[in-house]
């Protein structure tokens, strides 16, 4: 009588998931459940902080999108923790800085996005969702008081997203996240 090969359990180390490939239901269901649980926790935090309806609301959404991106593409350079964090710092500086400069909001938003792209590409910290922060910061027309509150809120959310992506990988037994810090 031959032995059956061992089955991969939910908690065993598995190959990284390529988000562009079709997954078997046995892998798809746990993956989507963990991603959805992470999103639910982040949206609960969003509600608890009472930012919905304020000028801060659009600034907090991109890091929530980053959770799924970082979780699904953990093996890519754009999902490395220090690059993700740095991209949001850059976006916040240019976006909130441009928001303080009077002028046509759409033009200022485009300038903020261009400066963000230039800096992110220049230092090798490209993370696409962060670009939305620089534009939303300007278009939301925050006061300087809002900008001061937004900066730590944004960066705290990004740190939480990275910790949650790490925990999600541990739960599913995927490759060790992060593959590299930078």
C-alpha atoms as a PDB file:
ATOM      1  CA  UNK A   1       0.000   0.000   0.000  1.00  0.00           C
ATOM      2  CA  UNK A   2       1.537   3.302  -1.073  1.00  0.00           C
ATOM      3  CA  UNK A   3       1.470   6.362   1.101  1.00  0.00           C
ATOM      4  CA  UNK A   4      -0.373   9.456  -0.005  1.00  0.00           C
ATOM      5  CA  UNK A   5       1.759  12.524  -0.496  1.00  0.00           C
ATOM      6  CA  UNK A   6       1.268  15.032   2.303  1.00  0.00           C
ATOM      7  CA  UNK A   7      -1.289  17.725   1.576  1.00  0.00           C
ATOM      8  CA  UNK A   8      -0.414  21.351   2.032  1.00  0.00           C
ATOM      9  CA  UNK A   9      -2.346  22.696   4.953  1.00  0.00           C
ATOM     10  CA  UNK A  10      -3.416  26.287   5.359  1.00  0.00           C
ATOM     11  CA  UNK A  11      -0.536  26.906   7.764  1.00  0.00           C
ATOM     12  CA  UNK A  12       2.322  25.264   5.856  1.00  0.00           C
ATOM     13  CA  UNK A  13       4.854  27.259   3.907  1.00  0.00           C
ATOM     14  CA  UNK A  14       3.641  27.677   0.323  1.00  0.00           C
ATOM     15  CA  UNK A  15       4.936  29.335  -2.819  1.00  0.00           C
ATOM     16  CA  UNK A  16       4.248  33.045  -3.265  1.00  0.00           C
ATOM     17  CA  UNK A  17       0.942  33.820  -4.913  1.00  0.00           C
ATOM     18  CA  UNK A  18       1.044  35.433  -8.337  1.00  0.00           C
ATOM     19  CA  UNK A  19      -2.070  37.623  -8.371  1.00  0.00           C
ATOM     20  CA  UNK A  20      -2.361  37.261 -12.150  1.00  0.00           C
ATOM     21  CA  UNK A  21      -2.734  33.465 -12.003  1.00  0.00           C
ATOM     22  CA  UNK A  22      -5.899  31.518 -11.373  1.00  0.00           C
ATOM     23  CA  UNK A  23      -5.898  29.802  -8.014  1.00  0.00           C
ATOM     24  CA  UNK A  24      -7.456  26.553  -6.884  1.00  0.00           C
ATOM     25  CA  UNK A  25     -10.472  27.036  -4.653  1.00  0.00           C
ATOM     26  CA  UNK A  26      -8.595  25.456  -1.735  1.00  0.00           C
ATOM     27  CA  UNK A  27      -6.056  28.280  -1.942  1.00  0.00           C
ATOM     28  CA  UNK A  28      -8.383  31.006  -3.207  1.00  0.00           C
ATOM     29  CA  UNK A  29     -10.882  30.890  -0.343  1.00  0.00           C
ATOM     30  CA  UNK A  30      -8.356  31.293   2.534  1.00  0.00           C
ATOM     31  CA  UNK A  31      -6.512  34.007   0.601  1.00  0.00           C
ATOM     32  CA  UNK A  32      -9.645  36.063  -0.032  1.00  0.00           C
ATOM     33  CA  UNK A  33     -10.867  35.525   3.535  1.00  0.00           C
ATOM     34  CA  UNK A  34      -7.608  36.856   4.988  1.00  0.00           C
ATOM     35  CA  UNK A  35      -7.571  39.812   2.568  1.00  0.00           C
ATOM     36  CA  UNK A  36     -11.205  40.616   3.347  1.00  0.00           C
ATOM     37  CA  UNK A  37     -10.623  40.363   7.107  1.00  0.00           C
ATOM     38  CA  UNK A  38      -7.705  42.774   6.745  1.00  0.00           C
ATOM     39  CA  UNK A  39      -9.782  45.225   4.747  1.00  0.00           C
ATOM     40  CA  UNK A  40     -12.623  44.983   7.268  1.00  0.00           C
ATOM     41  CA  UNK A  41     -10.246  45.791  10.130  1.00  0.00           C
ATOM     42  CA  UNK A  42      -8.809  48.761   8.262  1.00  0.00           C
ATOM     43  CA  UNK A  43     -12.258  50.127   7.408  1.00  0.00           C
ATOM     44  CA  UNK A  44     -13.315  49.650  11.040  1.00  0.00           C
ATOM     45  CA  UNK A  45     -10.339  51.757  12.078  1.00  0.00           C
ATOM     46  CA  UNK A  46     -11.343  54.330   9.458  1.00  0.00           C
ATOM     47  CA  UNK A  47     -14.803  54.554  11.053  1.00  0.00           C
ATOM     48  CA  UNK A  48     -13.454  54.611  14.615  1.00  0.00           C
ATOM     49  CA  UNK A  49     -11.208  57.562  13.795  1.00  0.00           C
ATOM     50  CA  UNK A  50     -14.237  59.496  12.491  1.00  0.00           C
ATOM     51  CA  UNK A  51     -12.506  60.618   9.312  1.00  0.00           C
ATOM     52  CA  UNK A  52     -15.310  59.712   6.916  1.00  0.00           C
ATOM     53  CA  UNK A  53     -16.836  62.852   5.489  1.00  0.00           C
ATOM     54  CA  UNK A  54     -13.792  64.969   6.399  1.00  0.00           C
ATOM     55  CA  UNK A  55     -10.976  66.202   4.195  1.00  0.00           C
ATOM     56  CA  UNK A  56      -8.863  63.406   5.715  1.00  0.00           C
ATOM     57  CA  UNK A  57     -11.059  60.629   4.283  1.00  0.00           C
ATOM     58  CA  UNK A  58      -9.490  60.436   0.802  1.00  0.00           C
ATOM     59  CA  UNK A  59      -5.980  60.490   2.285  1.00  0.00           C
ATOM     60  CA  UNK A  60      -6.555  57.337   4.362  1.00  0.00           C
ATOM     61  CA  UNK A  61      -8.049  55.218   1.545  1.00  0.00           C
ATOM     62  CA  UNK A  62      -4.835  54.612  -0.513  1.00  0.00           C
ATOM     63  CA  UNK A  63      -3.053  52.792   2.349  1.00  0.00           C
ATOM     64  CA  UNK A  64      -6.066  50.506   2.656  1.00  0.00           C
ATOM     65  CA  UNK A  65      -5.655  49.666  -1.037  1.00  0.00           C
ATOM     66  CA  UNK A  66      -1.940  49.140  -0.348  1.00  0.00           C
ATOM     67  CA  UNK A  67      -2.810  46.337   2.076  1.00  0.00           C
ATOM     68  CA  UNK A  68      -4.157  44.176  -0.740  1.00  0.00           C
ATOM     69  CA  UNK A  69      -1.351  45.180  -3.101  1.00  0.00           C
ATOM     70  CA  UNK A  70       1.421  44.511  -0.570  1.00  0.00           C
ATOM     71  CA  UNK A  71      -0.210  41.266   0.509  1.00  0.00           C
ATOM     72  CA  UNK A  72      -0.772  40.003  -3.039  1.00  0.00           C
ATOM     73  CA  UNK A  73       2.609  41.082  -4.439  1.00  0.00           C
ATOM     74  CA  UNK A  74       4.895  40.644  -1.423  1.00  0.00           C
ATOM     75  CA  UNK A  75       7.755  39.357  -3.575  1.00  0.00           C
ATOM     76  CA  UNK A  76       8.007  42.563  -5.642  1.00  0.00           C
ATOM     77  CA  UNK A  77      10.325  45.453  -4.767  1.00  0.00           C
ATOM     78  CA  UNK A  78       7.349  47.866  -4.660  1.00  0.00           C
ATOM     79  CA  UNK A  79       5.944  45.951  -1.666  1.00  0.00           C
ATOM     80  CA  UNK A  80       9.031  46.161   0.528  1.00  0.00           C
ATOM     81  CA  UNK A  81       8.189  47.911   3.815  1.00  0.00           C
ATOM     82  CA  UNK A  82      10.668  50.782   3.713  1.00  0.00           C
ATOM     83  CA  UNK A  83       9.821  51.560   0.084  1.00  0.00           C
ATOM     84  CA  UNK A  84       6.088  51.607   0.827  1.00  0.00           C
ATOM     85  CA  UNK A  85       6.561  53.777   3.910  1.00  0.00           C
ATOM     86  CA  UNK A  86       8.939  56.146   2.099  1.00  0.00           C
ATOM     87  CA  UNK A  87       6.562  56.521  -0.841  1.00  0.00           C
ATOM     88  CA  UNK A  88       3.802  57.656   1.520  1.00  0.00           C
ATOM     89  CA  UNK A  89       6.116  60.089   3.317  1.00  0.00           C
ATOM     90  CA  UNK A  90       7.028  61.615  -0.051  1.00  0.00           C
ATOM     91  CA  UNK A  91       3.391  61.771  -1.179  1.00  0.00           C
ATOM     92  CA  UNK A  92       2.290  63.368   2.092  1.00  0.00           C
ATOM     93  CA  UNK A  93       5.035  65.988   2.003  1.00  0.00           C
ATOM     94  CA  UNK A  94       4.326  67.053  -1.569  1.00  0.00           C
ATOM     95  CA  UNK A  95       0.548  66.691  -1.358  1.00  0.00           C
ATOM     96  CA  UNK A  96       0.047  68.446   1.945  1.00  0.00           C
ATOM     97  CA  UNK A  97       2.701  71.003   1.003  1.00  0.00           C
ATOM     98  CA  UNK A  98       0.991  71.837  -2.279  1.00  0.00           C
ATOM     99  CA  UNK A  99      -2.356  72.017  -0.479  1.00  0.00           C
ATOM    100  CA  UNK A 100      -0.986  74.955   1.521  1.00  0.00           C
ATOM    101  CA  UNK A 101      -0.105  76.889  -1.649  1.00  0.00           C
ATOM    102  CA  UNK A 102      -2.971  78.917  -3.100  1.00  0.00           C
ATOM    103  CA  UNK A 103      -3.793  78.287  -6.719  1.00  0.00           C
ATOM    104  CA  UNK A 104      -5.998  76.233  -8.975  1.00  0.00           C
ATOM    105  CA  UNK A 105      -6.536  72.942  -7.145  1.00  0.00           C
ATOM    106  CA  UNK A 106      -6.387  70.713 -10.209  1.00  0.00           C
ATOM    107  CA  UNK A 107      -3.106  72.250 -11.356  1.00  0.00           C
ATOM    108  CA  UNK A 108      -1.672  71.991  -7.836  1.00  0.00           C
ATOM    109  CA  UNK A 109      -2.786  68.343  -7.621  1.00  0.00           C
ATOM    110  CA  UNK A 110      -1.028  67.527 -10.893  1.00  0.00           C
ATOM    111  CA  UNK A 111       2.117  69.313  -9.714  1.00  0.00           C
ATOM    112  CA  UNK A 112       1.999  67.426  -6.402  1.00  0.00           C
ATOM    113  CA  UNK A 113       1.638  64.121  -8.284  1.00  0.00           C
ATOM    114  CA  UNK A 114       4.498  64.998 -10.643  1.00  0.00           C
ATOM    115  CA  UNK A 115       6.800  65.915  -7.753  1.00  0.00           C
ATOM    116  CA  UNK A 116       5.801  62.742  -5.936  1.00  0.00           C
ATOM    117  CA  UNK A 117       6.509  60.605  -9.005  1.00  0.00           C
ATOM    118  CA  UNK A 118       9.852  62.341  -9.569  1.00  0.00           C
ATOM    119  CA  UNK A 119      10.975  61.773  -5.982  1.00  0.00           C
ATOM    120  CA  UNK A 120       9.677  58.193  -5.764  1.00  0.00           C
ATOM    121  CA  UNK A 121      11.341  57.144  -9.016  1.00  0.00           C
ATOM    122  CA  UNK A 122      14.468  59.111  -8.126  1.00  0.00           C
ATOM    123  CA  UNK A 123      15.094  57.225  -4.891  1.00  0.00           C
ATOM    124  CA  UNK A 124      13.620  53.887  -5.966  1.00  0.00           C
ATOM    125  CA  UNK A 125      10.606  53.902  -3.672  1.00  0.00           C
ATOM    126  CA  UNK A 126       7.783  53.630  -6.195  1.00  0.00           C
ATOM    127  CA  UNK A 127       4.448  52.478  -4.770  1.00  0.00           C
ATOM    128  CA  UNK A 128       1.509  53.455  -6.994  1.00  0.00           C
ATOM    129  CA  UNK A 129      -1.275  53.943  -4.384  1.00  0.00           C
ATOM    130  CA  UNK A 130       0.790  56.639  -2.648  1.00  0.00           C
ATOM    131  CA  UNK A 131       0.411  58.906  -5.681  1.00  0.00           C
ATOM    132  CA  UNK A 132      -3.290  59.182  -4.889  1.00  0.00           C
ATOM    133  CA  UNK A 133      -2.369  60.687  -1.511  1.00  0.00           C
ATOM    134  CA  UNK A 134      -0.493  63.584  -3.077  1.00  0.00           C
ATOM    135  CA  UNK A 135      -3.420  64.389  -5.359  1.00  0.00           C
ATOM    136  CA  UNK A 136      -6.188  63.812  -2.780  1.00  0.00           C
ATOM    137  CA  UNK A 137      -4.319  65.981  -0.287  1.00  0.00           C
ATOM    138  CA  UNK A 138      -4.582  68.950  -2.628  1.00  0.00           C
ATOM    139  CA  UNK A 139      -8.070  68.299  -3.975  1.00  0.00           C
ATOM    140  CA  UNK A 140      -9.478  67.849  -0.458  1.00  0.00           C
ATOM    141  CA  UNK A 141      -8.373  71.419   0.334  1.00  0.00           C
ATOM    142  CA  UNK A 142      -7.316  70.737   3.922  1.00  0.00           C
ATOM    143  CA  UNK A 143      -6.484  73.537   6.313  1.00  0.00           C
ATOM    144  CA  UNK A 144      -2.996  73.549   7.793  1.00  0.00           C
ATOM    145  CA  UNK A 145      -4.524  72.067  10.976  1.00  0.00           C
ATOM    146  CA  UNK A 146      -5.955  69.208   8.926  1.00  0.00           C
ATOM    147  CA  UNK A 147      -2.577  68.709   7.269  1.00  0.00           C
ATOM    148  CA  UNK A 148      -0.858  68.458  10.644  1.00  0.00           C
ATOM    149  CA  UNK A 149      -3.397  65.819  11.764  1.00  0.00           C
ATOM    150  CA  UNK A 150      -3.254  64.003   8.426  1.00  0.00           C
ATOM    151  CA  UNK A 151       0.488  63.348   8.384  1.00  0.00           C
ATOM    152  CA  UNK A 152       0.724  61.099  11.488  1.00  0.00           C
ATOM    153  CA  UNK A 153      -2.655  59.514  10.719  1.00  0.00           C
ATOM    154  CA  UNK A 154      -1.469  58.581   7.233  1.00  0.00           C
ATOM    155  CA  UNK A 155       1.896  57.220   8.339  1.00  0.00           C
ATOM    156  CA  UNK A 156       0.325  55.313  11.241  1.00  0.00           C
ATOM    157  CA  UNK A 157      -2.126  53.724   8.816  1.00  0.00           C
ATOM    158  CA  UNK A 158       0.739  52.727   6.502  1.00  0.00           C
ATOM    159  CA  UNK A 159       2.647  51.095   9.379  1.00  0.00           C
ATOM    160  CA  UNK A 160      -0.524  49.240  10.394  1.00  0.00           C
ATOM    161  CA  UNK A 161      -1.017  48.074   6.784  1.00  0.00           C
ATOM    162  CA  UNK A 162       2.526  46.697   6.642  1.00  0.00           C
ATOM    163  CA  UNK A 163       2.115  44.903   9.977  1.00  0.00           C
ATOM    164  CA  UNK A 164      -1.194  43.432   8.838  1.00  0.00           C
ATOM    165  CA  UNK A 165       0.352  42.223   5.564  1.00  0.00           C
ATOM    166  CA  UNK A 166       3.114  40.559   7.558  1.00  0.00           C
ATOM    167  CA  UNK A 167       0.551  38.910   9.870  1.00  0.00           C
ATOM    168  CA  UNK A 168      -1.585  37.770   6.926  1.00  0.00           C
ATOM    169  CA  UNK A 169       1.429  36.052   5.376  1.00  0.00           C
ATOM    170  CA  UNK A 170       2.153  34.322   8.671  1.00  0.00           C
ATOM    171  CA  UNK A 171      -1.463  33.137   8.936  1.00  0.00           C
ATOM    172  CA  UNK A 172      -1.442  31.664   5.423  1.00  0.00           C
ATOM    173  CA  UNK A 173       2.068  30.222   5.712  1.00  0.00           C
ATOM    174  CA  UNK A 174       3.300  32.119   2.662  1.00  0.00           C
ATOM    175  CA  UNK A 175       6.855  33.214   2.082  1.00  0.00           C
ATOM    176  CA  UNK A 176       8.386  35.254   4.806  1.00  0.00           C
ATOM    177  CA  UNK A 177       7.355  38.864   4.487  1.00  0.00           C
ATOM    178  CA  UNK A 178       9.267  41.000   3.956  1.00  0.00           C
ATOM    179  CA  UNK A 179      11.568  39.435   1.409  1.00  0.00           C
ATOM    180  CA  UNK A 180      13.818  42.473   1.938  1.00  0.00           C
ATOM    181  CA  UNK A 181      13.316  45.734   3.809  1.00  0.00           C
ATOM    182  CA  UNK A 182      14.367  48.054   0.952  1.00  0.00           C
END
